[in-house]
Amino acid sequence: MKLKEINRTAIQAWSPAQQHPIYLAAGTSAQQLDASFSTNASLEIFELDLADPSFAMKSCGSFSSTH
């Protein structure tokens, strides 16, 4: 059963279990061609809200770098 989804090719890490709300960090590496043909590195933070019935996760912030 699918609860939420993010359309990214990235390494992910969850916030600690006792943290509320729950966050997901998704990071990509610079100089690696991804599905959007970008070669920049990025770090994006998403909030997991299981009360929201949609499959989307709310973006809380992002950082992009060429390194």
N, C-alpha and C. Protein backbone atom coordinates (compact mmCIF):
# COMPACT_ATOMS: atom_id res chain seq x y z
N MET A 1 0.85 -1.17 0.00
CA MET A 1 0.00 0.00 0.00
C MET A 1 0.89 1.24 0.00
N LYS A 2 0.65 2.13 -0.92
CA LYS A 2 1.41 3.38 -1.04
C LYS A 2 0.77 4.44 -0.15
N LEU A 3 1.62 5.10 0.67
CA LEU A 3 1.13 6.18 1.52
C LEU A 3 1.51 7.55 0.96
N LYS A 4 2.78 7.70 0.58
CA LYS A 4 3.29 8.96 0.04
C LYS A 4 4.33 8.64 -1.01
N GLU A 5 4.64 9.62 -1.86
CA GLU A 5 5.67 9.43 -2.87
C GLU A 5 6.35 10.75 -3.20
N ILE A 6 7.63 10.62 -3.61
CA ILE A 6 8.41 11.75 -4.10
C ILE A 6 9.10 11.25 -5.36
N ASN A 7 8.97 11.98 -6.44
CA ASN A 7 9.58 11.58 -7.71
C ASN A 7 10.99 12.16 -7.79
N ARG A 8 11.96 11.48 -7.13
CA ARG A 8 13.35 11.92 -7.09
C ARG A 8 14.27 10.71 -7.20
N THR A 9 15.42 10.90 -7.80
CA THR A 9 16.49 9.91 -7.76
C THR A 9 17.50 10.47 -6.77
N ALA A 10 17.45 10.00 -5.52
CA ALA A 10 18.25 10.61 -4.46
C ALA A 10 18.51 9.61 -3.34
N ILE A 11 19.48 9.94 -2.52
CA ILE A 11 19.72 9.22 -1.28
C ILE A 11 18.82 9.85 -0.23
N GLN A 12 18.19 9.03 0.59
CA GLN A 12 17.25 9.58 1.57
C GLN A 12 17.65 9.21 2.99
N ALA A 13 17.19 10.04 3.92
CA ALA A 13 17.40 9.80 5.35
C ALA A 13 16.19 10.34 6.09
N TRP A 14 15.71 9.58 7.08
CA TRP A 14 14.56 9.98 7.88
C TRP A 14 15.03 10.68 9.14
N SER A 15 14.18 11.54 9.69
CA SER A 15 14.47 12.17 10.97
C SER A 15 14.37 11.10 12.06
N PRO A 16 14.91 11.36 13.27
CA PRO A 16 14.83 10.37 14.35
C PRO A 16 13.39 10.01 14.68
N ALA A 17 13.17 8.80 15.16
CA ALA A 17 11.82 8.28 15.43
C ALA A 17 11.04 9.15 16.41
N GLN A 18 11.70 9.73 17.40
CA GLN A 18 11.00 10.54 18.39
C GLN A 18 10.70 11.96 17.90
N GLN A 19 11.22 12.34 16.73
CA GLN A 19 10.98 13.66 16.14
C GLN A 19 9.56 13.76 15.62
N HIS A 20 8.87 14.84 15.92
CA HIS A 20 7.54 15.06 15.36
C HIS A 20 7.44 16.52 14.94
N PRO A 21 7.03 16.88 13.77
CA PRO A 21 6.64 15.99 12.67
C PRO A 21 7.84 15.24 12.08
N ILE A 22 7.54 14.23 11.31
CA ILE A 22 8.57 13.39 10.69
C ILE A 22 9.04 14.06 9.40
N TYR A 23 10.36 14.09 9.21
CA TYR A 23 10.95 14.70 8.01
C TYR A 23 11.75 13.67 7.23
N LEU A 24 11.84 13.91 5.93
CA LEU A 24 12.66 13.11 5.04
C LEU A 24 13.62 14.04 4.32
N ALA A 25 14.92 13.71 4.35
CA ALA A 25 15.92 14.47 3.61
C ALA A 25 16.27 13.67 2.36
N ALA A 26 16.27 14.31 1.21
CA ALA A 26 16.62 13.68 -0.07
C ALA A 26 17.77 14.46 -0.68
N GLY A 27 18.89 13.79 -0.90
CA GLY A 27 20.07 14.48 -1.42
C GLY A 27 20.60 13.84 -2.69
N THR A 28 21.08 14.68 -3.61
CA THR A 28 21.70 14.20 -4.85
C THR A 28 23.15 14.65 -4.87
N SER A 29 23.94 14.02 -5.69
CA SER A 29 25.36 14.31 -5.79
C SER A 29 25.63 15.17 -7.02
N ALA A 30 26.60 16.09 -6.90
CA ALA A 30 26.99 16.93 -8.04
C ALA A 30 27.70 16.09 -9.09
N GLN A 31 27.59 16.52 -10.32
CA GLN A 31 28.24 15.89 -11.47
C GLN A 31 27.71 14.49 -11.79
N GLN A 32 26.54 14.15 -11.26
CA GLN A 32 25.86 12.90 -11.59
C GLN A 32 24.59 13.27 -12.34
N LEU A 33 24.47 12.83 -13.56
CA LEU A 33 23.31 13.18 -14.38
C LEU A 33 22.08 12.48 -13.83
N ASP A 34 21.02 13.25 -13.53
CA ASP A 34 19.80 12.67 -13.01
C ASP A 34 18.68 12.70 -14.06
N ALA A 35 17.48 12.33 -13.65
CA ALA A 35 16.35 12.24 -14.58
C ALA A 35 15.98 13.60 -15.19
N SER A 36 16.31 14.70 -14.50
CA SER A 36 16.01 16.02 -15.04
C SER A 36 17.20 16.60 -15.81
N PHE A 37 18.26 15.82 -16.01
CA PHE A 37 19.47 16.21 -16.72
C PHE A 37 20.22 17.34 -16.02
N SER A 38 20.06 17.45 -14.72
CA SER A 38 20.79 18.44 -13.93
C SER A 38 22.05 17.79 -13.36
N THR A 39 23.15 18.53 -13.32
CA THR A 39 24.39 18.01 -12.73
C THR A 39 24.71 18.73 -11.43
N ASN A 40 23.76 19.46 -10.85
CA ASN A 40 23.95 20.14 -9.57
C ASN A 40 23.60 19.20 -8.42
N ALA A 41 24.23 19.43 -7.28
CA ALA A 41 23.87 18.71 -6.06
C ALA A 41 22.70 19.43 -5.40
N SER A 42 21.85 18.69 -4.73
CA SER A 42 20.73 19.32 -4.03
C SER A 42 20.39 18.55 -2.77
N LEU A 43 19.86 19.28 -1.80
CA LEU A 43 19.35 18.70 -0.57
C LEU A 43 17.95 19.25 -0.38
N GLU A 44 16.96 18.37 -0.28
CA GLU A 44 15.58 18.80 -0.10
C GLU A 44 15.03 18.14 1.16
N ILE A 45 14.23 18.90 1.91
CA ILE A 45 13.61 18.41 3.13
C ILE A 45 12.10 18.37 2.91
N PHE A 46 11.50 17.23 3.23
CA PHE A 46 10.06 17.03 3.08
C PHE A 46 9.45 16.64 4.42
N GLU A 47 8.21 17.07 4.65
CA GLU A 47 7.48 16.70 5.87
C GLU A 47 6.50 15.58 5.56
N LEU A 48 6.49 14.55 6.40
CA LEU A 48 5.55 13.45 6.25
C LEU A 48 4.30 13.76 7.06
N ASP A 49 3.19 13.99 6.38
CA ASP A 49 1.91 14.29 7.04
C ASP A 49 0.92 13.21 6.64
N LEU A 50 0.72 12.23 7.51
CA LEU A 50 -0.17 11.12 7.19
C LEU A 50 -1.64 11.50 7.30
N ALA A 51 -1.94 12.67 7.85
CA ALA A 51 -3.33 13.15 7.91
C ALA A 51 -3.79 13.68 6.55
N ASP A 52 -2.84 14.06 5.69
CA ASP A 52 -3.15 14.55 4.34
C ASP A 52 -3.41 13.35 3.44
N PRO A 53 -4.58 13.25 2.80
CA PRO A 53 -4.91 12.07 1.99
C PRO A 53 -4.17 11.97 0.65
N SER A 54 -3.51 13.04 0.21
CA SER A 54 -2.82 12.99 -1.09
C SER A 54 -1.52 12.20 -0.96
N PHE A 55 -0.95 11.79 -2.10
CA PHE A 55 0.32 11.06 -2.12
C PHE A 55 1.52 11.99 -1.99
N ALA A 56 1.33 13.29 -2.20
CA ALA A 56 2.44 14.25 -2.19
C ALA A 56 2.93 14.51 -0.77
N MET A 57 4.24 14.80 -0.67
CA MET A 57 4.83 15.22 0.61
C MET A 57 5.15 16.70 0.51
N LYS A 58 4.89 17.45 1.57
CA LYS A 58 5.10 18.90 1.60
C LYS A 58 6.60 19.20 1.64
N SER A 59 7.07 20.03 0.70
CA SER A 59 8.47 20.46 0.68
C SER A 59 8.66 21.55 1.73
N CYS A 60 9.65 21.37 2.61
CA CYS A 60 9.92 22.34 3.67
C CYS A 60 11.11 23.22 3.34
N GLY A 61 11.90 22.83 2.36
CA GLY A 61 13.05 23.64 1.99
C GLY A 61 13.98 22.87 1.07
N SER A 62 14.86 23.62 0.41
CA SER A 62 15.82 22.97 -0.49
C SER A 62 17.07 23.84 -0.59
N PHE A 63 18.16 23.18 -0.93
CA PHE A 63 19.44 23.84 -1.11
C PHE A 63 20.08 23.23 -2.33
N SER A 64 20.61 24.05 -3.22
CA SER A 64 21.25 23.55 -4.43
C SER A 64 22.66 24.09 -4.52
N SER A 65 23.57 23.27 -5.06
CA SER A 65 24.97 23.66 -5.17
C SER A 65 25.58 23.00 -6.41
N THR A 66 26.57 23.64 -6.99
CA THR A 66 27.27 23.06 -8.14
C THR A 66 28.40 22.15 -7.69
N HIS A 67 28.67 22.08 -6.41
CA HIS A 67 29.75 21.25 -5.87
C HIS A 67 29.23 19.99 -5.24
